[in-house]
Protein backbone atom coordinates (compact mmCIF):
# COMPACT_ATOMS: atom_id res chain seq x y z
CA UNK A 1 -9.32 -14.00 9.95
CA UNK A 2 -12.46 -13.85 12.12
CA UNK A 3 -12.69 -11.02 14.63
CA UNK A 4 -14.57 -11.03 17.92
CA UNK A 5 -15.27 -7.78 19.79
CA UNK A 6 -15.04 -7.96 23.57
CA UNK A 7 -17.56 -6.03 25.66
CA UNK A 8 -14.75 -3.75 26.81
CA UNK A 9 -13.77 -2.98 23.21
CA UNK A 10 -17.39 -2.29 22.27
CA UNK A 11 -17.89 0.11 25.23
CA UNK A 12 -14.64 1.95 24.44
CA UNK A 13 -15.56 2.13 20.74
CA UNK A 14 -18.96 3.65 21.51
CA UNK A 15 -17.31 6.44 23.54
CA UNK A 16 -15.12 7.50 20.61
CA UNK A 17 -16.05 10.44 18.36
CA UNK A 18 -17.73 9.49 15.10
CA UNK A 19 -14.72 10.35 12.91
CA UNK A 20 -12.45 8.12 15.03
CA UNK A 21 -15.00 5.27 14.92
CA UNK A 22 -14.81 5.46 11.11
CA UNK A 23 -11.03 5.04 11.33
CA UNK A 24 -11.45 2.10 13.70
CA UNK A 25 -13.83 0.46 11.20
CA UNK A 26 -11.22 0.87 8.46
CA UNK A 27 -8.51 -0.59 10.72
CA UNK A 28 -10.77 -3.54 11.57
CA UNK A 29 -11.31 -4.22 7.85
CA UNK A 30 -7.54 -4.19 7.29
CA UNK A 31 -7.04 -6.47 10.29
CA UNK A 32 -9.69 -8.87 8.99
CA UNK A 33 -8.03 -9.02 5.57
CA UNK A 34 -4.44 -9.32 6.84
CA UNK A 35 -3.42 -8.90 10.48
CA UNK A 36 0.10 -8.09 9.22
CA UNK A 37 -1.05 -5.25 6.95
CA UNK A 38 1.70 -2.59 6.99
CA UNK A 39 -0.81 0.24 7.52
CA UNK A 40 -1.69 -1.18 10.94
CA UNK A 41 1.92 -1.19 12.17
CA UNK A 42 0.92 -4.11 14.39
CA UNK A 43 3.32 -5.26 17.08
CA UNK A 44 3.31 -7.02 20.42
CA UNK A 45 2.58 -4.85 23.47
CA UNK A 46 5.70 -4.65 25.66
CA UNK A 47 5.55 -6.86 28.71
CA UNK A 48 2.91 -9.20 27.27
CA UNK A 49 3.21 -12.55 25.56
CA UNK A 50 0.10 -12.54 23.38
CA UNK A 51 -1.42 -9.04 23.22
CA UNK A 52 -0.83 -6.94 20.13
CA UNK A 53 -1.48 -3.31 19.25
CA UNK A 54 -2.57 -1.95 15.89
CA UNK A 55 -2.54 1.66 14.75
CA UNK A 56 -5.85 3.44 14.11
CA UNK A 57 -4.26 6.87 13.50
CA UNK A 58 -1.44 8.96 14.98
CA UNK A 59 -3.14 9.19 18.38
CA UNK A 60 -5.34 6.08 18.66
CA UNK A 61 -4.59 2.37 18.99
CA UNK A 62 -6.52 -0.84 19.39
CA UNK A 63 -5.32 -4.01 21.08
CA UNK A 64 -6.13 -7.60 20.31
CA UNK A 65 -5.25 -11.14 21.27
CA UNK A 66 -4.78 -13.93 18.78
CA UNK A 67 -6.29 -17.30 19.70
CA UNK A 68 -5.74 -19.73 16.87
CA UNK A 69 -7.53 -18.31 13.84
CA UNK A 70 -9.55 -15.86 15.95
CA UNK A 71 -8.64 -12.26 16.80
CA UNK A 72 -10.23 -11.00 20.01
CA UNK A 73 -10.36 -7.21 20.14
CA UNK A 74 -9.54 -6.05 23.68
CA UNK A 75 -9.39 -2.23 23.80
CA UNK A 76 -9.46 0.86 21.61
CA UNK A 77 -8.84 4.55 22.25
CA UNK A 78 -6.09 7.12 22.80
CA UNK A 79 -2.59 5.66 22.49
CA UNK A 80 -1.43 6.05 26.11
CA UNK A 81 -4.75 4.96 27.64
CA UNK A 82 -4.94 1.80 25.54
CA UNK A 83 -1.33 0.76 25.98
CA UNK A 84 -1.49 1.48 29.72
CA UNK A 85 -4.32 -1.05 30.00
CA UNK A 86 -4.21 -3.29 26.90
């Protein structure tokens, strides 16, 4: 499934430490191959109709929106920060 990175996602990604960016890259590859991959533990963000979260590691998440066959990456970073502003 094609993935598009929003400017916001790109800015947040660039602020992450290198070792977390590597984990985000792995999560993006999994998402590209299968957005339902069990390692991502993807689920809808509470209170939203079309925004989903995916796990990067124990403390980091990324959010995305599905528009047809396109996944638009919205935000990435520490769990509480990302889910507070998906």
